[in-house]
Each structure stands twice: as C-alpha cells, then as structure tokens.
Amino acid sequence: MRGPLIRGLAVLRELAAADGRQPVSDLVRATRLARSTVDRVVSTLARAGYLRVEGRDAVLTPPG
C-alpha cells in the first residue's frame, strides 16, 4: 500500500527530475498513480507552498 507521504514524495521526485516543471498528465504517467490522486497530491503540495500550478503544469517553488 502506498500511503499519502509516499505518493507526495513520488510527485516531488518526478518534478525534481524534470527540472522543476512538468504537465500533470506526465506526472500521472511517471508516477503510475490515478489522475485523481495526482490532482489531490498536487493541490495539497500547492497549498503547502511546495509547488504552484501554472496552466496544466506543476512547478516546484523555491525553498523559503
């Protein structure tokens, strides 16, 4: 079973490997998570300030 932390880290790992920007649809393919799961993880990480959403892309935010 993949818990929420593992799913969140999978999304962050894929974004980091893609130089910090990737379409959400690519994150779905890369992480092999359901689209609804990736949408929920991206939304949570955006609210927490780890990334932002620009159009269809998820973009890592600078630390700080």
C-alpha atoms as a PDB file:
ATOM      1  CA  MET A   1       0.000   0.000   0.000  1.00  0.00           C
ATOM      2  CA  ARG A   2       1.280   3.455  -0.892  1.00  0.00           C
ATOM      3  CA  GLY A   3       0.467   5.999   1.770  1.00  0.00           C
ATOM      4  CA  PRO A   4      -0.063   9.721   1.212  1.00  0.00           C
ATOM      5  CA  LEU A   5       3.502  10.648   2.115  1.00  0.00           C
ATOM      6  CA  ILE A   6       4.943   8.176  -0.402  1.00  0.00           C
ATOM      7  CA  ARG A   7       2.591   9.466  -3.108  1.00  0.00           C
ATOM      8  CA  GLY A   8       3.559  13.069  -2.381  1.00  0.00           C
ATOM      9  CA  LEU A   9       7.237  12.239  -2.478  1.00  0.00           C
ATOM     10  CA  ALA A  10       6.771  10.402  -5.791  1.00  0.00           C
ATOM     11  CA  VAL A  11       5.284  13.557  -7.322  1.00  0.00           C
ATOM     12  CA  LEU A  12       8.049  15.769  -5.903  1.00  0.00           C
ATOM     13  CA  ARG A  13      10.710  13.325  -7.127  1.00  0.00           C
ATOM     14  CA  GLU A  14       9.318  13.378 -10.663  1.00  0.00           C
ATOM     15  CA  LEU A  15       9.119  17.176 -10.682  1.00  0.00           C
ATOM     16  CA  ALA A  16      12.708  17.453  -9.499  1.00  0.00           C
ATOM     17  CA  ALA A  17      13.858  15.027 -12.203  1.00  0.00           C
ATOM     18  CA  ALA A  18      12.061  17.171 -14.821  1.00  0.00           C
ATOM     19  CA  ASP A  19      13.905  20.358 -13.800  1.00  0.00           C
ATOM     20  CA  GLY A  20      11.003  21.505 -11.645  1.00  0.00           C
ATOM     21  CA  ARG A  21       8.229  21.729 -14.241  1.00  0.00           C
ATOM     22  CA  GLN A  22       6.028  19.042 -15.705  1.00  0.00           C
ATOM     23  CA  PRO A  23       2.492  18.725 -17.043  1.00  0.00           C
ATOM     24  CA  VAL A  24       0.206  16.993 -14.566  1.00  0.00           C
ATOM     25  CA  SER A  25      -0.648  14.386 -17.217  1.00  0.00           C
ATOM     26  CA  ASP A  26       3.063  13.467 -17.395  1.00  0.00           C
ATOM     27  CA  LEU A  27       3.159  13.137 -13.606  1.00  0.00           C
ATOM     28  CA  VAL A  28       0.279  10.668 -13.839  1.00  0.00           C
ATOM     29  CA  ARG A  29       2.215   8.526 -16.319  1.00  0.00           C
ATOM     30  CA  ALA A  30       5.540   8.809 -14.490  1.00  0.00           C
ATOM     31  CA  THR A  31       4.200   8.002 -11.023  1.00  0.00           C
ATOM     32  CA  ARG A  32       1.638   5.426 -12.200  1.00  0.00           C
ATOM     33  CA  LEU A  33      -0.874   6.998  -9.831  1.00  0.00           C
ATOM     34  CA  ALA A  34      -4.502   7.672 -10.735  1.00  0.00           C
ATOM     35  CA  ARG A  35      -5.232  11.109 -12.174  1.00  0.00           C
ATOM     36  CA  SER A  36      -7.488  11.944  -9.218  1.00  0.00           C
ATOM     37  CA  THR A  37      -4.679  11.012  -6.823  1.00  0.00           C
ATOM     38  CA  VAL A  38      -2.135  13.187  -8.622  1.00  0.00           C
ATOM     39  CA  ASP A  39      -4.614  16.080  -8.728  1.00  0.00           C
ATOM     40  CA  ARG A  40      -5.177  15.744  -4.970  1.00  0.00           C
ATOM     41  CA  VAL A  41      -1.424  15.493  -4.227  1.00  0.00           C
ATOM     42  CA  VAL A  42      -0.633  18.496  -6.443  1.00  0.00           C
ATOM     43  CA  SER A  43      -3.390  20.518  -4.773  1.00  0.00           C
ATOM     44  CA  THR A  44      -2.116  19.633  -1.299  1.00  0.00           C
ATOM     45  CA  LEU A  45       1.509  20.410  -2.188  1.00  0.00           C
ATOM     46  CA  ALA A  46       0.436  23.731  -3.740  1.00  0.00           C
ATOM     47  CA  ARG A  47      -1.485  24.725  -0.594  1.00  0.00           C
ATOM     48  CA  ALA A  48       1.587  23.827   1.467  1.00  0.00           C
ATOM     49  CA  GLY A  49       3.807  26.003  -0.765  1.00  0.00           C
ATOM     50  CA  TYR A  50       5.956  23.250  -2.303  1.00  0.00           C
ATOM     51  CA  LEU A  51       4.726  23.872  -5.831  1.00  0.00           C
ATOM     52  CA  ARG A  52       2.370  26.014  -7.848  1.00  0.00           C
ATOM     53  CA  VAL A  53       0.129  25.215 -10.782  1.00  0.00           C
ATOM     54  CA  GLU A  54       0.608  27.193 -13.995  1.00  0.00           C
ATOM     55  CA  GLY A  55      -1.954  26.178 -16.580  1.00  0.00           C
ATOM     56  CA  ARG A  56      -1.537  22.422 -16.972  1.00  0.00           C
ATOM     57  CA  ASP A  57       1.925  22.328 -15.384  1.00  0.00           C
ATOM     58  CA  ALA A  58       3.006  21.689 -11.832  1.00  0.00           C
ATOM     59  CA  VAL A  59       6.038  23.841 -10.975  1.00  0.00           C
ATOM     60  CA  LEU A  60       8.298  23.470  -7.954  1.00  0.00           C
ATOM     61  CA  THR A  61       8.579  26.627  -5.883  1.00  0.00           C
ATOM     62  CA  PRO A  62      11.896  27.817  -4.485  1.00  0.00           C
ATOM     63  CA  PRO A  63      12.576  26.854  -0.879  1.00  0.00           C
ATOM     64  CA  GLY A  64      11.946  29.523   1.648  1.00  0.00           C
END
